[in-house]
Amino acid sequence: MLHTDVTNSEQPRMGLPLLSVRQVAGQLGVCTATVYALCAKGALPHVRVLNAIRVAVGDLEAFVEGRQSRAR
């Protein structure tokens, strides 16, 4: 499971924290260039806040879970 401070999964989507590219890279154990590439090809849902890419915790968790099911 990914490290987050969110304890209530029933929170509205806008209430969820957004992670920076650096934070996502740290969670996945990859470099930031990999996260940018995943976002660019549409594999990792994200939002842009001005010029910054942010990823919702739930989207990151879904991405990881989707990858795990493919590996089985």
Foldseek 3Di string as FASTA:
>chain_A
DFDDPDDDPPDPQVPFDWAFLCSLCVRVVHDSVVVVVCVVVPLQDWDDDPNTTTHGPVSSVVSVVVVVVVVD
